[in-house]
Amino acid sequence: MWRLLSEELRVHRNVLLIAWAFGVAIYGLVLFLLWLVGGAKDRAELPSIATQLPLALLIASMVACFIVTGTDRAERRVRMFMMLPLSVAQVALARVLLPIVFVLAGLAVSHVAFAGMLAVQGAPSSWTRHLKVDFIGLQLLLWVLVAFVVREIIERKKASGWRAVLLPKALLVGAIAFVVWLEVGPIESVPAGAAVVAALDAALAGSTFVMFRRRVDFTR
């Protein structure tokens, strides 16, 4: 399983690196345009805006996950995986771990970039500020996992009917509703919010794993 995961990371790592490069380039272009055409107030706020670079990196990581997922479906890589001397459970685990590793890599790079930006600005780099980066990354990971769960719900419904997907559908709707509420509402405790979103990520990943193991069709 780990060999399959490492091979998938090797094959798709350029997608992640290119996504990061585009994210940084676009963010740099926005900062340059603000400096070029903005007023004195906009230029004064540039150091503060620059510390939002982790958001661009995390969004780029999420986009890379969606690109890889689309590529795998177009190439029908799942069908090829099932031809390997691996169990369904091993393929399922490697498949769900790939986007998680992508986002965790994005988080690692984001923390380094965030610390660098804060150092340049002369601002303190406290763990609470870094925790906000984790909070955002965990929310973006949830949207990636939602796409995986939806795919497995479709396959499960084809094989066993709508009753078989009632529980994963309820989990999916509940997770989406909670994250939307977090994104539009005030956050009173970032650590608590991050812990809950991490638990939802784990639940969605587990749901994807279980439903994939119960598949009867591995063409996609």
N, C-alpha and C. Protein backbone atom coordinates (compact mmCIF):
# COMPACT_ATOMS: atom_id res chain seq x y z
N MET A 1 0.82 -1.21 0.00
CA MET A 1 0.00 0.00 0.00
C MET A 1 0.86 1.26 0.00
N TRP A 2 1.92 1.24 0.85
CA TRP A 2 2.79 2.41 0.91
C TRP A 2 3.55 2.60 -0.38
N ARG A 3 3.87 1.50 -1.06
CA ARG A 3 4.54 1.60 -2.36
C ARG A 3 3.61 2.26 -3.37
N LEU A 4 2.33 1.89 -3.34
CA LEU A 4 1.35 2.50 -4.25
C LEU A 4 1.21 3.99 -3.95
N LEU A 5 1.11 4.34 -2.67
CA LEU A 5 0.97 5.75 -2.30
C LEU A 5 2.20 6.55 -2.72
N SER A 6 3.39 6.02 -2.47
CA SER A 6 4.61 6.74 -2.84
C SER A 6 4.72 6.89 -4.35
N GLU A 7 4.27 5.89 -5.09
CA GLU A 7 4.31 5.98 -6.54
C GLU A 7 3.32 7.02 -7.05
N GLU A 8 2.15 7.08 -6.45
CA GLU A 8 1.16 8.09 -6.82
C GLU A 8 1.69 9.50 -6.52
N LEU A 9 2.36 9.64 -5.39
CA LEU A 9 2.95 10.93 -5.05
C LEU A 9 4.04 11.31 -6.06
N ARG A 10 4.82 10.34 -6.47
CA ARG A 10 5.88 10.61 -7.45
C ARG A 10 5.29 11.03 -8.79
N VAL A 11 4.22 10.33 -9.21
CA VAL A 11 3.61 10.63 -10.50
C VAL A 11 2.96 12.00 -10.50
N HIS A 12 2.33 12.36 -9.38
CA HIS A 12 1.53 13.58 -9.35
C HIS A 12 2.22 14.77 -8.67
N ARG A 13 3.45 14.61 -8.21
CA ARG A 13 4.07 15.69 -7.45
C ARG A 13 4.24 16.97 -8.27
N ASN A 14 4.48 16.81 -9.57
CA ASN A 14 4.63 18.01 -10.41
C ASN A 14 3.36 18.83 -10.46
N VAL A 15 2.21 18.15 -10.39
CA VAL A 15 0.93 18.88 -10.36
C VAL A 15 0.88 19.78 -9.12
N LEU A 16 1.29 19.23 -7.99
CA LEU A 16 1.29 20.01 -6.75
C LEU A 16 2.29 21.16 -6.82
N LEU A 17 3.49 20.89 -7.31
CA LEU A 17 4.52 21.94 -7.40
C LEU A 17 4.10 23.06 -8.36
N ILE A 18 3.50 22.69 -9.49
CA ILE A 18 3.04 23.70 -10.44
C ILE A 18 1.90 24.51 -9.85
N ALA A 19 1.01 23.84 -9.12
CA ALA A 19 -0.10 24.56 -8.48
C ALA A 19 0.43 25.57 -7.47
N TRP A 20 1.42 25.15 -6.68
CA TRP A 20 2.03 26.09 -5.73
C TRP A 20 2.65 27.28 -6.46
N ALA A 21 3.37 26.99 -7.53
CA ALA A 21 4.04 28.06 -8.29
C ALA A 21 3.01 29.05 -8.83
N PHE A 22 1.91 28.52 -9.38
CA PHE A 22 0.87 29.41 -9.89
C PHE A 22 0.23 30.21 -8.76
N GLY A 23 0.01 29.56 -7.63
CA GLY A 23 -0.59 30.25 -6.50
C GLY A 23 0.26 31.41 -6.02
N VAL A 24 1.57 31.16 -5.89
CA VAL A 24 2.49 32.21 -5.45
C VAL A 24 2.58 33.31 -6.50
N ALA A 25 2.62 32.91 -7.78
CA ALA A 25 2.73 33.90 -8.86
C ALA A 25 1.50 34.81 -8.90
N ILE A 26 0.33 34.22 -8.80
CA ILE A 26 -0.90 35.02 -8.84
C ILE A 26 -0.98 35.94 -7.63
N TYR A 27 -0.58 35.41 -6.46
CA TYR A 27 -0.61 36.24 -5.26
C TYR A 27 0.40 37.38 -5.37
N GLY A 28 1.58 37.07 -5.91
CA GLY A 28 2.57 38.11 -6.10
C GLY A 28 2.09 39.17 -7.08
N LEU A 29 1.37 38.74 -8.12
CA LEU A 29 0.84 39.70 -9.09
C LEU A 29 -0.19 40.62 -8.44
N VAL A 30 -1.03 40.06 -7.58
CA VAL A 30 -2.02 40.88 -6.87
C VAL A 30 -1.32 41.93 -6.01
N LEU A 31 -0.29 41.51 -5.28
CA LEU A 31 0.46 42.46 -4.45
C LEU A 31 1.12 43.54 -5.29
N PHE A 32 1.68 43.13 -6.44
CA PHE A 32 2.33 44.10 -7.32
C PHE A 32 1.32 45.12 -7.85
N LEU A 33 0.14 44.66 -8.24
CA LEU A 33 -0.89 45.57 -8.76
C LEU A 33 -1.39 46.52 -7.67
N LEU A 34 -1.49 46.01 -6.46
CA LEU A 34 -1.89 46.89 -5.35
C LEU A 34 -0.83 47.97 -5.12
N TRP A 35 0.43 47.57 -5.21
CA TRP A 35 1.51 48.55 -5.05
C TRP A 35 1.54 49.54 -6.21
N LEU A 36 1.22 49.05 -7.41
CA LEU A 36 1.33 49.87 -8.61
C LEU A 36 0.18 50.87 -8.73
N VAL A 37 -1.03 50.42 -8.52
CA VAL A 37 -2.19 51.29 -8.76
C VAL A 37 -2.91 51.69 -7.48
N GLY A 38 -2.53 51.11 -6.36
CA GLY A 38 -3.21 51.44 -5.11
C GLY A 38 -2.75 52.77 -4.54
N GLY A 39 -3.53 53.24 -3.59
CA GLY A 39 -3.19 54.49 -2.93
C GLY A 39 -2.22 54.26 -1.79
N ALA A 40 -1.97 55.32 -1.05
CA ALA A 40 -1.02 55.24 0.07
C ALA A 40 -1.51 54.26 1.14
N LYS A 41 -2.83 54.24 1.37
CA LYS A 41 -3.39 53.32 2.37
C LYS A 41 -3.19 51.87 1.94
N ASP A 42 -3.43 51.59 0.65
CA ASP A 42 -3.25 50.22 0.15
C ASP A 42 -1.79 49.78 0.28
N ARG A 43 -0.87 50.67 -0.04
CA ARG A 43 0.55 50.32 0.05
C ARG A 43 0.97 50.10 1.50
N ALA A 44 0.39 50.86 2.41
CA ALA A 44 0.72 50.69 3.82
C ALA A 44 0.26 49.33 4.35
N GLU A 45 -0.79 48.79 3.74
CA GLU A 45 -1.35 47.52 4.19
C GLU A 45 -0.72 46.32 3.49
N LEU A 46 0.19 46.56 2.54
CA LEU A 46 0.80 45.46 1.80
C LEU A 46 1.51 44.43 2.69
N PRO A 47 2.29 44.85 3.71
CA PRO A 47 2.93 43.83 4.57
C PRO A 47 1.92 42.93 5.25
N SER A 48 0.80 43.51 5.68
CA SER A 48 -0.24 42.70 6.32
C SER A 48 -0.90 41.76 5.33
N ILE A 49 -1.15 42.25 4.11
CA ILE A 49 -1.77 41.42 3.08
C ILE A 49 -0.84 40.29 2.67
N ALA A 50 0.46 40.58 2.66
CA ALA A 50 1.44 39.57 2.24
C ALA A 50 1.45 38.36 3.17
N THR A 51 1.06 38.55 4.44
CA THR A 51 1.04 37.42 5.37
C THR A 51 -0.09 36.44 5.06
N GLN A 52 -0.96 36.78 4.10
CA GLN A 52 -2.04 35.87 3.70
C GLN A 52 -1.57 34.88 2.63
N LEU A 53 -0.28 34.87 2.33
CA LEU A 53 0.25 33.95 1.33
C LEU A 53 -0.11 32.49 1.61
N PRO A 54 -0.13 32.04 2.88
CA PRO A 54 -0.52 30.64 3.13
C PRO A 54 -1.86 30.26 2.54
N LEU A 55 -2.79 31.21 2.50
CA LEU A 55 -4.11 30.91 1.91
C LEU A 55 -3.97 30.54 0.44
N ALA A 56 -3.12 31.27 -0.29
CA ALA A 56 -2.91 30.97 -1.70
C ALA A 56 -2.29 29.58 -1.87
N LEU A 57 -1.35 29.23 -1.00
CA LEU A 57 -0.71 27.92 -1.09
C LEU A 57 -1.69 26.79 -0.77
N LEU A 58 -2.54 27.02 0.22
CA LEU A 58 -3.52 25.99 0.59
C LEU A 58 -4.57 25.80 -0.49
N ILE A 59 -5.02 26.90 -1.07
CA ILE A 59 -5.98 26.79 -2.17
C ILE A 59 -5.34 26.07 -3.36
N ALA A 60 -4.07 26.38 -3.61
CA ALA A 60 -3.36 25.70 -4.70
C ALA A 60 -3.27 24.20 -4.43
N SER A 61 -3.05 23.82 -3.18
CA SER A 61 -3.00 22.40 -2.82
C SER A 61 -4.35 21.73 -3.07
N MET A 62 -5.43 22.42 -2.73
CA MET A 62 -6.76 21.88 -2.95
C MET A 62 -7.04 21.72 -4.44
N VAL A 63 -6.66 22.72 -5.23
CA VAL A 63 -6.84 22.64 -6.68
C VAL A 63 -6.06 21.47 -7.25
N ALA A 64 -4.83 21.27 -6.76
CA ALA A 64 -4.02 20.14 -7.22
C ALA A 64 -4.71 18.81 -6.93
N CYS A 65 -5.34 18.71 -5.77
CA CYS A 65 -6.08 17.49 -5.43
C CYS A 65 -7.20 17.22 -6.42
N PHE A 66 -7.94 18.27 -6.78
CA PHE A 66 -9.04 18.09 -7.73
C PHE A 66 -8.51 17.72 -9.12
N ILE A 67 -7.38 18.31 -9.51
CA ILE A 67 -6.78 17.97 -10.81
C ILE A 67 -6.37 16.50 -10.83
N VAL A 68 -5.71 16.05 -9.77
CA VAL A 68 -5.26 14.66 -9.70
C VAL A 68 -6.45 13.71 -9.70
N THR A 69 -7.50 14.07 -8.96
CA THR A 69 -8.69 13.22 -8.93
C THR A 69 -9.31 13.10 -10.31
N GLY A 70 -9.41 14.23 -11.02
CA GLY A 70 -9.95 14.20 -12.37
C GLY A 70 -9.09 13.40 -13.32
N THR A 71 -7.77 13.52 -13.18
CA THR A 71 -6.85 12.77 -14.03
C THR A 71 -6.99 11.27 -13.78
N ASP A 72 -7.08 10.89 -12.50
CA ASP A 72 -7.21 9.48 -12.17
C ASP A 72 -8.50 8.88 -12.74
N ARG A 73 -9.58 9.65 -12.67
CA ARG A 73 -10.85 9.16 -13.22
C ARG A 73 -10.77 9.05 -14.74
N ALA A 74 -10.16 10.04 -15.39
CA ALA A 74 -10.06 10.01 -16.85
C ALA A 74 -9.21 8.84 -17.32
N GLU A 75 -8.15 8.53 -16.55
CA GLU A 75 -7.27 7.43 -16.91
C GLU A 75 -7.74 6.08 -16.36
N ARG A 76 -8.82 6.14 -15.56
CA ARG A 76 -9.36 4.92 -14.93
C ARG A 76 -8.26 4.17 -14.17
N ARG A 77 -7.55 4.93 -13.35
CA ARG A 77 -6.42 4.35 -12.62
C ARG A 77 -6.89 3.36 -11.57
N VAL A 78 -8.11 3.54 -11.05
CA VAL A 78 -8.61 2.59 -10.06
C VAL A 78 -8.64 1.18 -10.63
N ARG A 79 -9.08 1.06 -11.87
CA ARG A 79 -9.12 -0.25 -12.51
C ARG A 79 -7.71 -0.84 -12.63
N MET A 80 -6.73 0.01 -12.92
CA MET A 80 -5.35 -0.47 -12.99
C MET A 80 -4.83 -0.87 -11.62
N PHE A 81 -5.22 -0.10 -10.58
CA PHE A 81 -4.79 -0.43 -9.22
C PHE A 81 -5.28 -1.81 -8.81
N MET A 82 -6.51 -2.14 -9.22
CA MET A 82 -7.10 -3.41 -8.82
C MET A 82 -6.42 -4.60 -9.49
N MET A 83 -5.59 -4.34 -10.49
CA MET A 83 -4.84 -5.40 -11.14
C MET A 83 -3.52 -5.68 -10.42
N LEU A 84 -3.18 -4.84 -9.46
CA LEU A 84 -1.95 -5.02 -8.69
C LEU A 84 -2.17 -6.07 -7.60
N PRO A 85 -1.08 -6.66 -7.10
CA PRO A 85 -1.22 -7.65 -6.01
C PRO A 85 -1.50 -6.97 -4.66
N LEU A 86 -2.60 -6.24 -4.61
CA LEU A 86 -3.00 -5.51 -3.41
C LEU A 86 -4.46 -5.83 -3.11
N SER A 87 -4.81 -5.76 -1.83
CA SER A 87 -6.20 -5.96 -1.45
C SER A 87 -7.00 -4.69 -1.75
N VAL A 88 -8.33 -4.83 -1.74
CA VAL A 88 -9.19 -3.67 -1.95
C VAL A 88 -8.97 -2.65 -0.85
N ALA A 89 -8.77 -3.13 0.36
CA ALA A 89 -8.55 -2.22 1.50
C ALA A 89 -7.27 -1.41 1.30
N GLN A 90 -6.22 -2.03 0.80
CA GLN A 90 -4.96 -1.32 0.58
C GLN A 90 -5.11 -0.25 -0.50
N VAL A 91 -5.80 -0.58 -1.56
CA VAL A 91 -6.04 0.41 -2.62
C VAL A 91 -6.90 1.54 -2.08
N ALA A 92 -7.93 1.21 -1.30
CA ALA A 92 -8.81 2.23 -0.73
C ALA A 92 -8.04 3.18 0.17
N LEU A 93 -7.15 2.62 1.00
CA LEU A 93 -6.38 3.46 1.93
C LEU A 93 -5.42 4.37 1.18
N ALA A 94 -4.71 3.81 0.20
CA ALA A 94 -3.77 4.63 -0.58
C ALA A 94 -4.52 5.74 -1.31
N ARG A 95 -5.70 5.42 -1.80
CA ARG A 95 -6.49 6.39 -2.58
C ARG A 95 -6.94 7.56 -1.71
N VAL A 96 -7.37 7.28 -0.49
CA VAL A 96 -7.87 8.36 0.36
C VAL A 96 -6.74 9.12 1.04
N LEU A 97 -5.57 8.49 1.16
CA LEU A 97 -4.43 9.18 1.79
C LEU A 97 -3.77 10.19 0.87
N LEU A 98 -3.88 9.98 -0.45
CA LEU A 98 -3.19 10.86 -1.39
C LEU A 98 -3.60 12.32 -1.22
N PRO A 99 -4.90 12.69 -1.24
CA PRO A 99 -5.25 14.10 -1.05
C PRO A 99 -4.88 14.62 0.33
N ILE A 100 -4.92 13.74 1.33
CA ILE A 100 -4.54 14.16 2.68
C ILE A 100 -3.07 14.55 2.71
N VAL A 101 -2.23 13.74 2.08
CA VAL A 101 -0.79 14.04 2.03
C VAL A 101 -0.56 15.34 1.26
N PHE A 102 -1.29 15.54 0.17
CA PHE A 102 -1.16 16.78 -0.60
C PHE A 102 -1.45 18.00 0.27
N VAL A 103 -2.56 17.95 0.99
CA VAL A 103 -2.94 19.10 1.81
C VAL A 103 -1.98 19.27 2.98
N LEU A 104 -1.52 18.17 3.57
CA LEU A 104 -0.54 18.29 4.65
C LEU A 104 0.77 18.89 4.16
N ALA A 105 1.17 18.52 2.94
CA ALA A 105 2.36 19.14 2.36
C ALA A 105 2.13 20.63 2.15
N GLY A 106 0.93 20.99 1.69
CA GLY A 106 0.59 22.40 1.54
C GLY A 106 0.62 23.13 2.86
N LEU A 107 0.15 22.46 3.92
CA LEU A 107 0.19 23.07 5.25
C LEU A 107 1.62 23.31 5.72
N ALA A 108 2.49 22.34 5.48
CA ALA A 108 3.89 22.49 5.89
C ALA A 108 4.54 23.68 5.19
N VAL A 109 4.34 23.78 3.89
CA VAL A 109 4.90 24.90 3.13
C VAL A 109 4.26 26.22 3.58
N SER A 110 2.97 26.19 3.86
CA SER A 110 2.27 27.40 4.29
C SER A 110 2.80 27.91 5.62
N HIS A 111 3.08 27.00 6.54
CA HIS A 111 3.62 27.41 7.84
C HIS A 111 4.99 28.06 7.68
N VAL A 112 5.81 27.48 6.82
CA VAL A 112 7.14 28.07 6.58
C VAL A 112 7.00 29.46 5.96
N ALA A 113 6.12 29.58 4.96
CA ALA A 113 5.90 30.88 4.31
C ALA A 113 5.34 31.89 5.30
N PHE A 114 4.40 31.45 6.13
CA PHE A 114 3.77 32.34 7.11
C PHE A 114 4.80 32.84 8.11
N ALA A 115 5.63 31.92 8.60
CA ALA A 115 6.68 32.33 9.56
C ALA A 115 7.64 33.32 8.93
N GLY A 116 7.99 33.08 7.65
CA GLY A 116 8.89 34.00 6.96
C GLY A 116 8.28 35.38 6.78
N MET A 117 7.00 35.42 6.38
CA MET A 117 6.33 36.70 6.20
C MET A 117 6.21 37.47 7.51
N LEU A 118 5.89 36.75 8.59
CA LEU A 118 5.79 37.41 9.89
C LEU A 118 7.15 37.94 10.34
N ALA A 119 8.21 37.19 10.06
CA ALA A 119 9.56 37.63 10.43
C ALA A 119 9.94 38.90 9.67
N VAL A 120 9.62 38.94 8.38
CA VAL A 120 9.91 40.13 7.58
C VAL A 120 9.13 41.33 8.09
N GLN A 121 7.88 41.07 8.50
CA GLN A 121 7.03 42.15 9.00
C GLN A 121 7.42 42.56 10.41
N GLY A 122 8.16 41.70 11.11
CA GLY A 122 8.53 41.98 12.49
C GLY A 122 7.43 41.66 13.47
N ALA A 123 6.48 40.81 13.07
CA ALA A 123 5.36 40.45 13.93
C ALA A 123 5.68 39.15 14.65
N PRO A 124 5.11 38.94 15.84
CA PRO A 124 5.36 37.70 16.57
C PRO A 124 4.74 36.50 15.87
N SER A 125 5.43 35.38 15.92
CA SER A 125 4.94 34.16 15.26
C SER A 125 4.45 33.20 16.34
N SER A 126 3.23 33.44 16.84
CA SER A 126 2.69 32.63 17.93
C SER A 126 2.00 31.39 17.38
N TRP A 127 1.84 30.39 18.24
CA TRP A 127 1.21 29.14 17.82
C TRP A 127 -0.26 29.36 17.47
N THR A 128 -0.90 30.35 18.11
CA THR A 128 -2.31 30.61 17.81
C THR A 128 -2.50 31.12 16.39
N ARG A 129 -1.55 31.92 15.91
CA ARG A 129 -1.64 32.41 14.54
C ARG A 129 -1.41 31.28 13.55
N HIS A 130 -0.49 30.39 13.88
CA HIS A 130 -0.24 29.24 13.00
C HIS A 130 -1.42 28.27 13.02
N LEU A 131 -2.11 28.20 14.17
CA LEU A 131 -3.26 27.31 14.27
C LEU A 131 -4.37 27.74 13.31
N LYS A 132 -4.47 29.04 13.05
CA LYS A 132 -5.46 29.51 12.08
C LYS A 132 -5.16 28.98 10.68
N VAL A 133 -3.86 28.85 10.36
CA VAL A 133 -3.48 28.26 9.08
C VAL A 133 -3.95 26.81 9.01
N ASP A 134 -3.75 26.07 10.10
CA ASP A 134 -4.23 24.68 10.16
C ASP A 134 -5.75 24.62 10.01
N PHE A 135 -6.43 25.55 10.65
CA PHE A 135 -7.89 25.59 10.61
C PHE A 135 -8.38 25.75 9.18
N ILE A 136 -7.74 26.66 8.45
CA ILE A 136 -8.12 26.88 7.04
C ILE A 136 -7.80 25.65 6.21
N GLY A 137 -6.61 25.08 6.42
CA GLY A 137 -6.21 23.90 5.66
C GLY A 137 -7.14 22.72 5.88
N LEU A 138 -7.58 22.51 7.11
CA LEU A 138 -8.49 21.41 7.42
C LEU A 138 -9.85 21.62 6.75
N GLN A 139 -10.30 22.87 6.68
CA GLN A 139 -11.57 23.14 6.00
C GLN A 139 -11.46 22.87 4.50
N LEU A 140 -10.35 23.26 3.90
CA LEU A 140 -10.16 23.01 2.47
C LEU A 140 -10.04 21.51 2.19
N LEU A 141 -9.38 20.79 3.09
CA LEU A 141 -9.29 19.34 2.94
C LEU A 141 -10.67 18.70 2.96
N LEU A 142 -11.56 19.24 3.79
CA LEU A 142 -12.91 18.69 3.86
C LEU A 142 -13.61 18.76 2.51
N TRP A 143 -13.43 19.86 1.78
CA TRP A 143 -14.08 19.99 0.47
C TRP A 143 -13.51 18.99 -0.53
N VAL A 144 -12.23 18.68 -0.40
CA VAL A 144 -11.64 17.65 -1.26
C VAL A 144 -12.25 16.29 -0.94
N LEU A 145 -12.36 15.98 0.35
CA LEU A 145 -12.92 14.70 0.76
C LEU A 145 -14.40 14.59 0.41
N VAL A 146 -15.10 15.72 0.39
CA VAL A 146 -16.50 15.70 -0.03
C VAL A 146 -16.63 15.14 -1.44
N ALA A 147 -15.73 15.54 -2.32
CA ALA A 147 -15.77 15.04 -3.70
C ALA A 147 -15.56 13.53 -3.73
N PHE A 148 -14.68 13.00 -2.88
CA PHE A 148 -14.46 11.56 -2.82
C PHE A 148 -15.71 10.84 -2.30
N VAL A 149 -16.33 11.40 -1.27
CA VAL A 149 -17.52 10.77 -0.70
C VAL A 149 -18.66 10.76 -1.72
N VAL A 150 -18.83 11.86 -2.43
CA VAL A 150 -19.89 11.93 -3.45
C VAL A 150 -19.66 10.85 -4.51
N ARG A 151 -18.41 10.67 -4.92
CA ARG A 151 -18.11 9.64 -5.92
C ARG A 151 -18.50 8.25 -5.42
N GLU A 152 -18.16 7.97 -4.15
CA GLU A 152 -18.46 6.65 -3.60
C GLU A 152 -19.95 6.47 -3.35
N ILE A 153 -20.64 7.55 -2.99
CA ILE A 153 -22.10 7.47 -2.82
C ILE A 153 -22.76 7.10 -4.14
N ILE A 154 -22.30 7.70 -5.22
CA ILE A 154 -22.86 7.38 -6.54
C ILE A 154 -22.65 5.90 -6.87
N GLU A 155 -21.43 5.41 -6.63
CA GLU A 155 -21.14 4.01 -6.93
C GLU A 155 -21.94 3.08 -6.01
N ARG A 156 -22.05 3.46 -4.74
CA ARG A 156 -22.80 2.64 -3.79
C ARG A 156 -24.28 2.59 -4.13
N LYS A 157 -24.82 3.71 -4.55
CA LYS A 157 -26.23 3.76 -4.92
C LYS A 157 -26.52 2.89 -6.14
N LYS A 158 -25.60 2.90 -7.11
CA LYS A 158 -25.76 2.05 -8.29
C LYS A 158 -25.82 0.58 -7.92
N ALA A 159 -24.99 0.20 -6.96
CA ALA A 159 -24.86 -1.21 -6.62
C ALA A 159 -25.94 -1.70 -5.65
N SER A 160 -26.35 -0.84 -4.70
CA SER A 160 -27.22 -1.33 -3.62
C SER A 160 -28.49 -0.53 -3.42
N GLY A 161 -28.69 0.53 -4.18
CA GLY A 161 -29.91 1.30 -4.02
C GLY A 161 -29.75 2.47 -3.06
N TRP A 162 -30.78 3.30 -2.99
CA TRP A 162 -30.68 4.54 -2.23
C TRP A 162 -30.64 4.33 -0.73
N ARG A 163 -31.23 3.24 -0.23
CA ARG A 163 -31.22 3.00 1.21
C ARG A 163 -29.81 2.78 1.75
N ALA A 164 -28.95 2.24 0.91
CA ALA A 164 -27.59 1.94 1.35
C ALA A 164 -26.73 3.18 1.54
N VAL A 165 -27.19 4.32 1.04
CA VAL A 165 -26.38 5.54 1.13
C VAL A 165 -26.99 6.59 2.05
N LEU A 166 -28.00 6.21 2.81
CA LEU A 166 -28.64 7.18 3.71
C LEU A 166 -27.66 7.69 4.76
N LEU A 167 -26.90 6.80 5.39
CA LEU A 167 -25.96 7.21 6.44
C LEU A 167 -24.83 8.08 5.88
N PRO A 168 -24.14 7.66 4.81
CA PRO A 168 -23.10 8.54 4.27
C PRO A 168 -23.64 9.87 3.76
N LYS A 169 -24.86 9.87 3.24
CA LYS A 169 -25.47 11.13 2.81
C LYS A 169 -25.70 12.06 4.00
N ALA A 170 -26.19 11.49 5.11
CA ALA A 170 -26.43 12.29 6.31
C ALA A 170 -25.12 12.86 6.84
N LEU A 171 -24.07 12.04 6.85
CA LEU A 171 -22.75 12.51 7.29
C LEU A 171 -22.25 13.63 6.38
N LEU A 172 -22.44 13.45 5.08
CA LEU A 172 -21.97 14.44 4.12
C LEU A 172 -22.69 15.76 4.31
N VAL A 173 -24.00 15.72 4.41
CA VAL A 173 -24.79 16.95 4.57
C VAL A 173 -24.44 17.64 5.89
N GLY A 174 -24.30 16.85 6.95
CA GLY A 174 -23.95 17.43 8.25
C GLY A 174 -22.59 18.10 8.23
N ALA A 175 -21.61 17.45 7.59
CA ALA A 175 -20.26 18.02 7.52
C ALA A 175 -20.25 19.32 6.72
N ILE A 176 -20.95 19.32 5.59
CA ILE A 176 -21.01 20.52 4.76
C ILE A 176 -21.69 21.66 5.50
N ALA A 177 -22.82 21.36 6.16
CA ALA A 177 -23.56 22.39 6.89
C ALA A 177 -22.71 23.00 7.99
N PHE A 178 -21.95 22.16 8.69
CA PHE A 178 -21.13 22.67 9.79
C PHE A 178 -20.01 23.56 9.28
N VAL A 179 -19.35 23.13 8.20
CA VAL A 179 -18.24 23.93 7.67
C VAL A 179 -18.74 25.24 7.09
N VAL A 180 -19.88 25.21 6.42
CA VAL A 180 -20.47 26.47 5.91
C VAL A 180 -20.77 27.40 7.06
N TRP A 181 -21.31 26.85 8.13
CA TRP A 181 -21.61 27.68 9.31
C TRP A 181 -20.33 28.28 9.89
N LEU A 182 -19.25 27.50 9.92
CA LEU A 182 -17.98 28.02 10.41
C LEU A 182 -17.45 29.14 9.53
N GLU A 183 -17.61 28.99 8.22
CA GLU A 183 -17.05 29.96 7.29
C GLU A 183 -17.82 31.27 7.26
N VAL A 184 -19.12 31.23 7.53
CA VAL A 184 -19.93 32.45 7.47
C VAL A 184 -20.19 33.05 8.85
N GLY A 185 -20.01 32.26 9.89
CA GLY A 185 -20.29 32.74 11.23
C GLY A 185 -19.04 33.14 11.98
N PRO A 186 -19.19 33.76 13.14
CA PRO A 186 -18.03 34.15 13.94
C PRO A 186 -17.38 32.92 14.59
N ILE A 187 -16.06 32.92 14.65
CA ILE A 187 -15.33 31.82 15.26
C ILE A 187 -14.92 32.24 16.67
N GLU A 188 -15.49 31.57 17.67
CA GLU A 188 -15.18 31.92 19.05
C GLU A 188 -13.93 31.20 19.54
N SER A 189 -13.71 29.98 19.07
CA SER A 189 -12.54 29.21 19.50
C SER A 189 -11.95 28.49 18.30
N VAL A 190 -10.82 28.99 17.82
CA VAL A 190 -10.17 28.37 16.67
C VAL A 190 -9.69 26.95 17.00
N PRO A 191 -9.08 26.70 18.17
CA PRO A 191 -8.66 25.32 18.48
C PRO A 191 -9.84 24.34 18.46
N ALA A 192 -10.97 24.74 19.06
CA ALA A 192 -12.13 23.84 19.07
C ALA A 192 -12.67 23.63 17.67
N GLY A 193 -12.73 24.71 16.88
CA GLY A 193 -13.20 24.59 15.51
C GLY A 193 -12.30 23.69 14.68
N ALA A 194 -10.98 23.85 14.86
CA ALA A 194 -10.03 23.02 14.11
C ALA A 194 -10.16 21.55 14.50
N ALA A 195 -10.38 21.29 15.79
CA ALA A 195 -10.52 19.91 16.26
C ALA A 195 -11.77 19.26 15.66
N VAL A 196 -12.86 20.02 15.61
CA VAL A 196 -14.11 19.47 15.06
C VAL A 196 -13.97 19.21 13.57
N VAL A 197 -13.36 20.16 12.85
CA VAL A 197 -13.18 19.97 11.41
C VAL A 197 -12.25 18.79 11.14
N ALA A 198 -11.21 18.63 11.95
CA ALA A 198 -10.31 17.47 11.80
C ALA A 198 -11.08 16.16 11.99
N ALA A 199 -12.00 16.16 12.98
CA ALA A 199 -12.81 14.97 13.20
C ALA A 199 -13.73 14.70 12.01
N LEU A 200 -14.29 15.75 11.44
CA LEU A 200 -15.13 15.59 10.25
C LEU A 200 -14.32 15.08 9.06
N ASP A 201 -13.10 15.60 8.91
CA ASP A 201 -12.22 15.10 7.84
C ASP A 201 -11.97 13.60 8.01
N ALA A 202 -11.69 13.20 9.25
CA ALA A 202 -11.44 11.79 9.51
C ALA A 202 -12.68 10.95 9.22
N ALA A 203 -13.86 11.48 9.58
CA ALA A 203 -15.11 10.74 9.34
C ALA A 203 -15.37 10.59 7.85
N LEU A 204 -15.14 11.65 7.07
CA LEU A 204 -15.36 11.57 5.63
C LEU A 204 -14.34 10.63 4.97
N ALA A 205 -13.09 10.70 5.43
CA ALA A 205 -12.07 9.79 4.89
C ALA A 205 -12.43 8.34 5.21
N GLY A 206 -12.89 8.10 6.44
CA GLY A 206 -13.30 6.76 6.83
C GLY A 206 -14.49 6.27 6.03
N SER A 207 -15.44 7.17 5.78
CA SER A 207 -16.61 6.81 4.98
C SER A 207 -16.21 6.45 3.56
N THR A 208 -15.29 7.22 2.99
CA THR A 208 -14.79 6.92 1.64
C THR A 208 -14.12 5.56 1.61
N PHE A 209 -13.31 5.29 2.62
CA PHE A 209 -12.60 4.00 2.71
C PHE A 209 -13.57 2.83 2.77
N VAL A 210 -14.57 2.94 3.65
CA VAL A 210 -15.53 1.85 3.84
C VAL A 210 -16.34 1.61 2.57
N MET A 211 -16.82 2.69 1.94
CA MET A 211 -17.63 2.52 0.75
C MET A 211 -16.82 1.96 -0.42
N PHE A 212 -15.55 2.36 -0.53
CA PHE A 212 -14.72 1.81 -1.60
C PHE A 212 -14.51 0.32 -1.40
N ARG A 213 -14.32 -0.11 -0.17
CA ARG A 213 -14.13 -1.54 0.10
C ARG A 213 -15.36 -2.35 -0.30
N ARG A 214 -16.52 -1.72 -0.26
CA ARG A 214 -17.77 -2.44 -0.58
C ARG A 214 -18.16 -2.31 -2.05
N ARG A 215 -17.31 -1.69 -2.82
CA ARG A 215 -17.61 -1.54 -4.25
C ARG A 215 -17.67 -2.90 -4.94
N VAL A 216 -18.47 -2.92 -6.03
CA VAL A 216 -18.49 -4.10 -6.90
C VAL A 216 -18.02 -3.73 -8.30
N ASP A 217 -17.90 -2.42 -8.56
CA ASP A 217 -17.46 -1.96 -9.88
C ASP A 217 -16.26 -1.04 -9.69
N PHE A 218 -15.15 -1.41 -10.30
CA PHE A 218 -13.91 -0.64 -10.14
C PHE A 218 -13.44 -0.05 -11.47
N THR A 219 -14.40 0.25 -12.35
CA THR A 219 -14.01 0.83 -13.63
C THR A 219 -13.59 2.27 -13.49
N ARG A 220 -14.03 2.97 -12.43
CA ARG A 220 -13.66 4.37 -12.23
C ARG A 220 -13.26 4.61 -10.77
